[in-house]
């Protein structure tokens, strides 16, 4: 594996550079050692959120809405904003 001046990592085989993956896809926090510092904060937030959901018995439900708003969740994915939650017994 070789590092470029920009922090990108790539493989070199017989003197030819090849990308680590052909299509990087959606990478909101970047790749490699130059990832966004907010990645760890977000990871800890999500872990705490899931712990709270589990410990309080929160259940996610699909809301019966006449029209729900479209919500982008990644560059190529849009979902209906029709998910709610309630605290279980």
Protein backbone atom coordinates (compact mmCIF):
# COMPACT_ATOMS: atom_id res chain seq x y z
CA UNK A 1 0.00 0.00 0.00
CA UNK A 2 1.26 3.46 -0.91
CA UNK A 3 0.18 6.89 0.34
CA UNK A 4 -0.18 9.83 -2.01
CA UNK A 5 0.60 13.42 -1.04
CA UNK A 6 -3.14 13.90 -0.48
CA UNK A 7 -3.53 11.04 1.99
CA UNK A 8 -5.16 8.64 -0.48
CA UNK A 9 -4.03 5.04 -0.11
CA UNK A 10 -3.59 2.87 -3.19
CA UNK A 11 -1.94 -0.38 -4.20
CA UNK A 12 0.98 -0.67 -6.63
CA UNK A 13 1.42 -3.89 -8.61
CA UNK A 14 4.34 -4.21 -11.06
CA UNK A 15 4.77 -0.43 -11.06
CA UNK A 16 1.08 0.27 -11.84
CA UNK A 17 -1.07 2.09 -9.28
CA UNK A 18 -4.53 0.63 -8.60
CA UNK A 19 -7.32 2.11 -6.47
CA UNK A 20 -8.10 0.34 -3.20
CA UNK A 21 -11.69 0.01 -4.39
CA UNK A 22 -13.18 0.78 -7.79
CA UNK A 23 -16.09 2.80 -6.43
CA UNK A 24 -15.65 4.48 -3.08
CA UNK A 25 -19.38 4.99 -2.61
CA UNK A 26 -20.81 7.22 0.08
CA UNK A 27 -18.18 8.16 2.64
CA UNK A 28 -19.51 10.96 4.85
CA UNK A 29 -16.39 10.90 7.07
CA UNK A 30 -13.78 10.26 4.39
CA UNK A 31 -11.27 7.42 4.15
CA UNK A 32 -7.93 6.44 5.64
CA UNK A 33 -5.99 8.23 8.30
CA UNK A 34 -7.34 11.65 7.28
CA UNK A 35 -10.93 10.91 8.27
CA UNK A 36 -13.15 13.53 9.82
CA UNK A 37 -12.71 14.10 13.56
CA UNK A 38 -16.50 14.13 13.94
CA UNK A 39 -16.64 10.43 13.06
CA UNK A 40 -15.76 9.34 16.60
CA UNK A 41 -18.22 11.80 18.13
CA UNK A 42 -20.98 10.54 15.85
CA UNK A 43 -20.12 6.90 16.58
CA UNK A 44 -20.33 7.52 20.33
CA UNK A 45 -23.63 9.37 19.90
CA UNK A 46 -25.15 6.49 17.92
CA UNK A 47 -23.91 3.92 20.47
CA UNK A 48 -25.47 5.90 23.33
CA UNK A 49 -28.70 6.29 21.36
CA UNK A 50 -28.92 2.53 20.77
CA UNK A 51 -28.18 1.82 24.46
CA UNK A 52 -31.04 4.17 25.42
CA UNK A 53 -33.40 2.55 22.93
CA UNK A 54 -32.57 -0.89 24.34
CA UNK A 55 -32.69 0.02 28.04
CA UNK A 56 -35.98 1.96 27.84
CA UNK A 57 -37.74 -0.49 25.54
CA UNK A 58 -38.30 2.03 22.77
CA UNK A 59 -40.04 0.58 19.72
CA UNK A 60 -39.89 2.03 16.23
CA UNK A 61 -43.13 2.01 14.25
CA UNK A 62 -44.27 2.97 10.79
CA UNK A 63 -46.65 5.92 10.99
CA UNK A 64 -49.90 5.80 9.02
CA UNK A 65 -49.59 9.16 7.28
CA UNK A 66 -51.59 10.32 4.29
CA UNK A 67 -48.50 12.00 2.83
CA UNK A 68 -45.03 11.74 4.28
CA UNK A 69 -42.12 14.00 3.50
CA UNK A 70 -39.22 12.61 1.48
CA UNK A 71 -36.00 12.48 3.47
CA UNK A 72 -32.54 12.16 1.83
CA UNK A 73 -30.28 9.80 3.80
CA UNK A 74 -27.37 9.57 1.35
CA UNK A 75 -26.55 11.03 -2.07
CA UNK A 76 -28.53 8.33 -3.91
CA UNK A 77 -31.15 7.31 -1.33
CA UNK A 78 -34.38 9.08 -0.40
CA UNK A 79 -36.87 7.50 2.02
CA UNK A 80 -40.33 8.37 3.28
CA UNK A 81 -40.21 10.16 6.65
CA UNK A 82 -42.85 7.94 8.23
CA UNK A 83 -41.00 6.31 11.12
CA UNK A 84 -41.89 7.14 14.71
CA UNK A 85 -41.18 5.58 18.08
CA UNK A 86 -42.89 4.88 21.35
CA UNK A 87 -41.78 3.60 24.72
CA UNK A 88 -42.75 0.00 25.32
CA UNK A 89 -44.53 -1.34 28.42
